[in-house]
């Protein structure tokens, strides 16, 4: 029998939420929305009535890596290499 914890772990392994992205990249929700509007991130699945956005991790990984790199350059964490 599958436990709630196992179900959560399976969900977390496959999907990433907007909140998790904000935490990982240290950006605000407004920055997340800006990234969506500018095409930095693809359109998410929106959970109706909750304002929660989710993406398939495997499908958004490259987008997040590129965005993280550009944020690091902008923040002066990298020298642009």
C-alpha atoms as a PDB file:
ATOM      1  CA  UNK A   1       0.000   0.000   0.000  1.00  0.00           C
ATOM      2  CA  UNK A   2       1.278   3.458  -0.932  1.00  0.00           C
ATOM      3  CA  UNK A   3       1.531   5.948   1.891  1.00  0.00           C
ATOM      4  CA  UNK A   4       0.833   9.655   1.735  1.00  0.00           C
ATOM      5  CA  UNK A   5       4.560  10.307   2.096  1.00  0.00           C
ATOM      6  CA  UNK A   6       5.360   8.084  -0.879  1.00  0.00           C
ATOM      7  CA  UNK A   7       2.715   9.860  -2.943  1.00  0.00           C
ATOM      8  CA  UNK A   8       4.180  13.237  -1.982  1.00  0.00           C
ATOM      9  CA  UNK A   9       7.697  12.091  -2.822  1.00  0.00           C
ATOM     10  CA  UNK A  10       6.527  10.818  -6.216  1.00  0.00           C
ATOM     11  CA  UNK A  11       4.771  14.128  -6.915  1.00  0.00           C
ATOM     12  CA  UNK A  12       7.789  16.178  -5.815  1.00  0.00           C
ATOM     13  CA  UNK A  13      10.110  14.095  -7.989  1.00  0.00           C
ATOM     14  CA  UNK A  14       8.015  14.783 -11.075  1.00  0.00           C
ATOM     15  CA  UNK A  15       6.752  18.337 -10.516  1.00  0.00           C
ATOM     16  CA  UNK A  16       8.099  21.662  -9.267  1.00  0.00           C
ATOM     17  CA  UNK A  17       5.938  24.462  -7.902  1.00  0.00           C
ATOM     18  CA  UNK A  18       6.279  28.176  -8.355  1.00  0.00           C
ATOM     19  CA  UNK A  19       7.012  28.522  -4.647  1.00  0.00           C
ATOM     20  CA  UNK A  20       9.861  26.044  -4.909  1.00  0.00           C
ATOM     21  CA  UNK A  21      11.300  27.918  -7.890  1.00  0.00           C
ATOM     22  CA  UNK A  22      11.118  31.191  -5.962  1.00  0.00           C
ATOM     23  CA  UNK A  23      12.929  29.599  -3.021  1.00  0.00           C
ATOM     24  CA  UNK A  24      15.615  27.965  -5.181  1.00  0.00           C
ATOM     25  CA  UNK A  25      16.382  31.044  -7.248  1.00  0.00           C
ATOM     26  CA  UNK A  26      15.724  33.557  -4.459  1.00  0.00           C
ATOM     27  CA  UNK A  27      13.236  35.521  -6.534  1.00  0.00           C
ATOM     28  CA  UNK A  28       9.868  37.008  -5.711  1.00  0.00           C
ATOM     29  CA  UNK A  29       6.545  35.782  -7.025  1.00  0.00           C
ATOM     30  CA  UNK A  30       6.441  38.935  -9.167  1.00  0.00           C
ATOM     31  CA  UNK A  31       9.740  37.880 -10.756  1.00  0.00           C
ATOM     32  CA  UNK A  32       8.280  34.446 -11.428  1.00  0.00           C
ATOM     33  CA  UNK A  33       5.286  36.017 -13.176  1.00  0.00           C
ATOM     34  CA  UNK A  34       7.612  38.317 -15.147  1.00  0.00           C
ATOM     35  CA  UNK A  35       9.646  35.291 -16.278  1.00  0.00           C
ATOM     36  CA  UNK A  36       6.473  33.585 -17.453  1.00  0.00           C
ATOM     37  CA  UNK A  37       5.294  36.666 -19.339  1.00  0.00           C
ATOM     38  CA  UNK A  38       8.705  37.138 -21.021  1.00  0.00           C
ATOM     39  CA  UNK A  39       8.922  33.502 -22.106  1.00  0.00           C
ATOM     40  CA  UNK A  40      11.801  32.646 -19.777  1.00  0.00           C
ATOM     41  CA  UNK A  41       9.557  29.960 -18.324  1.00  0.00           C
ATOM     42  CA  UNK A  42       6.914  28.008 -20.234  1.00  0.00           C
ATOM     43  CA  UNK A  43       3.283  28.189 -19.244  1.00  0.00           C
ATOM     44  CA  UNK A  44       2.583  26.195 -16.087  1.00  0.00           C
ATOM     45  CA  UNK A  45      -0.291  24.023 -15.056  1.00  0.00           C
ATOM     46  CA  UNK A  46      -2.468  26.247 -12.859  1.00  0.00           C
ATOM     47  CA  UNK A  47      -4.318  24.621  -9.997  1.00  0.00           C
ATOM     48  CA  UNK A  48      -7.627  26.430 -10.087  1.00  0.00           C
ATOM     49  CA  UNK A  49      -8.721  28.354  -7.051  1.00  0.00           C
ATOM     50  CA  UNK A  50      -5.361  28.122  -5.322  1.00  0.00           C
ATOM     51  CA  UNK A  51      -3.065  30.324  -7.378  1.00  0.00           C
ATOM     52  CA  UNK A  52      -0.564  27.460  -7.436  1.00  0.00           C
ATOM     53  CA  UNK A  53       1.586  26.931 -10.516  1.00  0.00           C
ATOM     54  CA  UNK A  54       3.349  23.660 -11.272  1.00  0.00           C
ATOM     55  CA  UNK A  55       5.684  22.484 -14.024  1.00  0.00           C
ATOM     56  CA  UNK A  56       7.056  19.106 -14.992  1.00  0.00           C
ATOM     57  CA  UNK A  57      10.619  19.166 -13.636  1.00  0.00           C
ATOM     58  CA  UNK A  58      12.192  17.463 -16.650  1.00  0.00           C
ATOM     59  CA  UNK A  59      10.525  19.903 -19.047  1.00  0.00           C
ATOM     60  CA  UNK A  60      11.567  23.078 -17.207  1.00  0.00           C
ATOM     61  CA  UNK A  61      15.057  22.107 -16.030  1.00  0.00           C
ATOM     62  CA  UNK A  62      16.904  23.809 -18.903  1.00  0.00           C
ATOM     63  CA  UNK A  63      14.811  26.991 -18.527  1.00  0.00           C
ATOM     64  CA  UNK A  64      15.630  27.161 -14.813  1.00  0.00           C
ATOM     65  CA  UNK A  65      19.342  26.619 -15.395  1.00  0.00           C
ATOM     66  CA  UNK A  66      19.469  29.446 -17.950  1.00  0.00           C
ATOM     67  CA  UNK A  67      17.461  31.786 -15.735  1.00  0.00           C
ATOM     68  CA  UNK A  68      19.611  30.951 -12.707  1.00  0.00           C
ATOM     69  CA  UNK A  69      22.755  31.706 -14.706  1.00  0.00           C
ATOM     70  CA  UNK A  70      21.412  35.086 -15.863  1.00  0.00           C
ATOM     71  CA  UNK A  71      20.381  35.932 -12.288  1.00  0.00           C
ATOM     72  CA  UNK A  72      23.845  35.047 -11.003  1.00  0.00           C
ATOM     73  CA  UNK A  73      25.434  37.354 -13.594  1.00  0.00           C
ATOM     74  CA  UNK A  74      23.036  40.171 -12.749  1.00  0.00           C
ATOM     75  CA  UNK A  75      23.684  39.749  -9.041  1.00  0.00           C
ATOM     76  CA  UNK A  76      27.431  39.799  -9.578  1.00  0.00           C
ATOM     77  CA  UNK A  77      27.825  36.206  -8.418  1.00  0.00           C
ATOM     78  CA  UNK A  78      29.519  35.305 -11.710  1.00  0.00           C
ATOM     79  CA  UNK A  79      31.822  37.329 -13.883  1.00  0.00           C
ATOM     80  CA  UNK A  80      29.834  36.616 -17.051  1.00  0.00           C
ATOM     81  CA  UNK A  81      31.658  33.478 -18.107  1.00  0.00           C
END
